[in-house]
């Protein structure tokens, strides 16, 4: 269950946008409050239920017993943009990437409705790697002009669907995905990375797999090795 934004309803598990209460559910235990920063995971010391704070919704994931699905949002965007012909809305704004991205994301939500899904974006072109090596990805071309106004619309569409999004200035989406994979591994959670980026194969191991949406192929440790 995804707990949405904070409300006054006394039945809400979420009691503020930085704390969550846990009473153990069916088994029950004394109610305690867990507090954690955005993007980190809190674990109840009584029942081991896991909660993930999501800044976009000022809420939490209850991650207990579920697989974590991390979507490479940037990869989805470019696949949608180049895979569809030009489309515009009434005011002339291009929307082909928005349409394709949303359609693919809704299908993923249907196919993986029992999982916790989060979408990870690149926050910008410059990262800490450019500070270390200024020529890092210097040959990469700028995104097409028709795509630029669609970035914000795609983020709005993702939030409207009800999925948390993650991005961090100075870091690539790959960095955030790798961080969540490491954290999930420490909590013995299974993780699925949704991306066609072969660089992410280095994260695949026993409890971490990769799904290539372009080829509709799942790759585990044996397939990658």
Protein backbone atom coordinates (compact mmCIF):
# COMPACT_ATOMS: atom_id res chain seq x y z
CA UNK A 1 0.00 0.00 0.00
CA UNK A 2 1.28 3.43 -0.88
CA UNK A 3 0.48 5.92 1.85
CA UNK A 4 -0.32 9.21 0.22
CA UNK A 5 0.04 12.63 1.75
CA UNK A 6 -0.48 13.50 5.40
CA UNK A 7 -4.08 13.96 6.51
CA UNK A 8 -6.04 14.51 9.72
CA UNK A 9 -7.75 11.12 9.47
CA UNK A 10 -6.87 9.23 12.66
CA UNK A 11 -6.78 5.98 10.69
CA UNK A 12 -3.86 7.23 8.62
CA UNK A 13 -0.60 5.43 9.37
CA UNK A 14 1.34 8.50 8.34
CA UNK A 15 1.32 11.11 11.12
CA UNK A 16 3.58 13.71 9.51
CA UNK A 17 5.69 14.03 6.41
CA UNK A 18 8.79 12.99 8.34
CA UNK A 19 7.38 10.36 10.74
CA UNK A 20 5.40 7.18 10.32
CA UNK A 21 3.75 5.06 12.99
CA UNK A 22 3.80 1.27 13.09
CA UNK A 23 1.74 -1.03 15.33
CA UNK A 24 2.68 -4.34 13.71
CA UNK A 25 -0.49 -4.79 11.69
CA UNK A 26 -2.25 -8.12 12.27
CA UNK A 27 0.27 -9.47 14.78
CA UNK A 28 0.40 -6.22 16.72
CA UNK A 29 2.94 -4.56 18.98
CA UNK A 30 3.16 -1.27 20.90
CA UNK A 31 2.81 1.67 18.52
CA UNK A 32 6.09 3.41 17.78
CA UNK A 33 7.03 6.31 15.52
CA UNK A 34 9.82 6.09 12.96
CA UNK A 35 11.55 9.12 11.54
CA UNK A 36 13.86 9.24 8.54
CA UNK A 37 15.09 11.55 5.82
CA UNK A 38 13.74 11.62 2.26
CA UNK A 39 14.91 8.70 0.16
CA UNK A 40 15.97 6.52 3.10
CA UNK A 41 14.33 3.43 4.55
CA UNK A 42 13.12 3.02 8.13
CA UNK A 43 12.76 -0.45 9.65
CA UNK A 44 10.46 -1.14 12.62
CA UNK A 45 12.55 -2.78 15.38
CA UNK A 46 9.56 -4.85 16.53
CA UNK A 47 8.13 -6.36 13.35
CA UNK A 48 10.78 -5.40 10.73
CA UNK A 49 8.21 -3.64 8.53
CA UNK A 50 10.02 -1.33 6.15
CA UNK A 51 8.97 2.19 5.17
CA UNK A 52 10.42 4.46 2.48
CA UNK A 53 9.85 8.21 2.62
CA UNK A 54 8.97 9.79 -0.73
CA UNK A 55 9.35 13.54 -0.97
CA UNK A 56 7.06 13.99 -3.97
CA UNK A 57 4.05 12.72 -2.03
CA UNK A 58 5.21 13.72 1.46
CA UNK A 59 4.41 10.11 2.28
CA UNK A 60 5.80 6.65 2.72
CA UNK A 61 5.96 3.28 1.03
CA UNK A 62 5.17 0.29 3.22
CA UNK A 63 7.76 -1.97 1.60
CA UNK A 64 7.22 -5.08 3.71
CA UNK A 65 7.17 -8.28 1.72
CA UNK A 66 7.26 -6.50 -1.63
CA UNK A 67 9.77 -6.24 -4.40
CA UNK A 68 11.31 -2.85 -5.12
CA UNK A 69 11.02 -1.87 -8.79
CA UNK A 70 13.29 0.98 -9.91
CA UNK A 71 12.43 2.51 -13.28
CA UNK A 72 15.12 4.29 -15.27
CA UNK A 73 12.90 7.25 -16.08
CA UNK A 74 15.41 8.94 -18.35
CA UNK A 75 15.66 5.83 -20.50
CA UNK A 76 11.87 5.67 -20.75
CA UNK A 77 11.75 9.31 -21.86
CA UNK A 78 14.13 8.92 -24.80
CA UNK A 79 12.58 5.63 -25.86
CA UNK A 80 9.16 7.30 -25.96
CA UNK A 81 10.44 10.39 -27.78
CA UNK A 82 12.23 8.55 -30.56
CA UNK A 83 9.66 5.77 -30.81
CA UNK A 84 6.67 7.97 -31.65
CA UNK A 85 5.98 10.54 -34.37
CA UNK A 86 5.63 14.21 -33.53
CA UNK A 87 2.53 15.04 -31.47
CA UNK A 88 1.41 18.41 -30.12
CA UNK A 89 -1.37 19.63 -27.88
CA UNK A 90 -3.67 22.54 -28.75
CA UNK A 91 -1.15 25.22 -27.73
CA UNK A 92 1.58 23.66 -29.87
CA UNK A 93 3.57 22.06 -27.03
CA UNK A 94 5.17 18.75 -28.13
CA UNK A 95 3.75 15.78 -26.21
CA UNK A 96 4.85 12.62 -28.02
CA UNK A 97 7.33 11.70 -25.27
CA UNK A 98 4.76 12.48 -22.57
CA UNK A 99 2.21 10.22 -24.26
CA UNK A 100 4.60 7.35 -24.86
CA UNK A 101 6.18 7.58 -21.41
CA UNK A 102 2.80 7.61 -19.65
CA UNK A 103 1.48 4.71 -21.71
CA UNK A 104 4.55 2.57 -20.92
CA UNK A 105 4.46 3.48 -17.24
CA UNK A 106 0.76 2.64 -16.89
CA UNK A 107 1.38 -0.76 -18.49
CA UNK A 108 4.25 -1.39 -16.08
CA UNK A 109 1.99 -0.49 -13.14
CA UNK A 110 -0.60 -3.00 -14.38
CA UNK A 111 2.00 -5.74 -14.91
CA UNK A 112 3.67 -5.14 -11.54
CA UNK A 113 0.72 -4.07 -9.41
CA UNK A 114 1.94 -6.09 -6.41
CA UNK A 115 5.31 -4.34 -6.31
CA UNK A 116 6.56 -1.00 -5.04
CA UNK A 117 7.48 1.07 -8.08
CA UNK A 118 9.60 4.22 -8.06
CA UNK A 119 10.81 6.27 -11.03
CA UNK A 120 14.33 7.70 -11.06
CA UNK A 121 15.33 10.66 -13.25
CA UNK A 122 18.53 12.47 -14.14
CA UNK A 123 18.41 15.88 -12.46
CA UNK A 124 20.64 17.53 -15.08
CA UNK A 125 23.59 17.06 -17.37
CA UNK A 126 26.33 18.05 -14.93
CA UNK A 127 27.31 15.63 -12.15
CA UNK A 128 30.13 15.29 -9.64
CA UNK A 129 32.03 13.39 -12.34
CA UNK A 130 32.38 16.59 -14.34
CA UNK A 131 34.15 18.16 -11.35
CA UNK A 132 36.63 15.28 -11.39
CA UNK A 133 36.94 15.05 -15.18
CA UNK A 134 35.53 18.09 -17.04
CA UNK A 135 35.39 16.20 -20.35
CA UNK A 136 33.08 13.51 -18.93
CA UNK A 137 30.44 12.84 -21.62
CA UNK A 138 31.55 16.01 -23.39
CA UNK A 139 30.61 14.51 -26.74
CA UNK A 140 27.01 13.91 -25.72
CA UNK A 141 24.68 16.13 -27.71
CA UNK A 142 22.01 18.32 -26.16
CA UNK A 143 18.47 16.89 -26.06
CA UNK A 144 16.25 17.82 -29.01
CA UNK A 145 14.41 21.11 -28.64
CA UNK A 146 11.07 19.33 -29.00
CA UNK A 147 11.89 17.17 -25.98
CA UNK A 148 12.98 19.88 -23.53
CA UNK A 149 9.46 21.23 -22.69
CA UNK A 150 8.26 17.68 -22.12
CA UNK A 151 10.58 16.90 -19.19
CA UNK A 152 8.47 18.78 -16.64
CA UNK A 153 5.22 17.41 -18.09
CA UNK A 154 6.55 13.86 -17.74
CA UNK A 155 7.35 14.45 -14.07
CA UNK A 156 3.83 15.82 -13.55
CA UNK A 157 2.36 12.77 -15.29
CA UNK A 158 4.38 10.42 -13.06
CA UNK A 159 3.11 12.16 -9.93
CA UNK A 160 -0.45 12.10 -11.28
CA UNK A 161 -0.17 8.32 -11.68
CA UNK A 162 0.78 8.19 -8.01
CA UNK A 163 4.36 7.00 -8.23
CA UNK A 164 7.23 8.53 -6.24
CA UNK A 165 10.05 10.08 -8.22
CA UNK A 166 13.68 10.51 -7.24
CA UNK A 167 16.37 12.78 -8.64
CA UNK A 168 19.31 14.53 -7.06
CA UNK A 169 21.34 17.45 -8.38
CA UNK A 170 24.90 16.42 -9.18
CA UNK A 171 24.09 12.72 -9.60
CA UNK A 172 22.89 10.52 -12.42
CA UNK A 173 19.83 8.30 -12.23
CA UNK A 174 22.23 5.33 -12.25
CA UNK A 175 23.80 6.56 -9.00
CA UNK A 176 20.42 6.77 -7.26
CA UNK A 177 19.37 3.36 -8.56
CA UNK A 178 22.63 1.81 -7.33
CA UNK A 179 22.13 3.42 -3.90
CA UNK A 180 18.64 1.98 -3.53
CA UNK A 181 19.83 -1.43 -4.71
CA UNK A 182 22.52 -1.45 -2.03
CA UNK A 183 20.04 -0.39 0.65
CA UNK A 184 17.47 -2.98 -0.44
CA UNK A 185 20.15 -5.67 -0.39
CA UNK A 186 21.01 -4.82 3.22
CA UNK A 187 17.32 -5.28 4.06
CA UNK A 188 17.16 -8.58 2.13
CA UNK A 189 14.68 -7.14 -0.36
CA UNK A 190 14.42 -8.28 -3.96
CA UNK A 191 14.96 -5.52 -6.51
CA UNK A 192 14.08 -5.24 -10.18
CA UNK A 193 15.72 -2.55 -12.32
CA UNK A 194 13.68 -1.52 -15.37
CA UNK A 195 16.12 -0.21 -17.96
CA UNK A 196 17.76 -0.93 -21.30
CA UNK A 197 21.03 0.59 -20.06
CA UNK A 198 23.67 -2.14 -20.07
CA UNK A 199 25.75 -0.19 -17.53
CA UNK A 200 23.21 -1.23 -14.89
CA UNK A 201 24.00 -4.90 -15.47
CA UNK A 202 26.87 -4.52 -13.00
CA UNK A 203 24.25 -4.27 -10.22
CA UNK A 204 22.65 -7.63 -11.05
CA UNK A 205 23.16 -10.44 -8.52
CA UNK A 206 21.11 -13.07 -6.71
CA UNK A 207 18.40 -10.72 -5.39
CA UNK A 208 18.74 -8.07 -8.10
CA UNK A 209 17.51 -8.54 -11.67
CA UNK A 210 17.18 -6.36 -14.75
CA UNK A 211 14.18 -6.02 -17.04
CA UNK A 212 14.79 -4.63 -20.53
CA UNK A 213 11.43 -3.17 -21.63
CA UNK A 214 12.58 -2.73 -25.23
CA UNK A 215 13.31 -6.44 -25.65
CA UNK A 216 10.86 -7.64 -22.99
CA UNK A 217 13.66 -9.69 -21.42
CA UNK A 218 14.40 -10.39 -17.75
CA UNK A 219 18.05 -10.88 -16.90
CA UNK A 220 19.32 -12.39 -13.69
CA UNK A 221 22.82 -13.17 -12.51
CA UNK A 222 23.26 -16.20 -14.78
CA UNK A 223 22.11 -14.32 -17.88
CA UNK A 224 24.42 -11.39 -17.24
CA UNK A 225 27.47 -13.53 -16.45
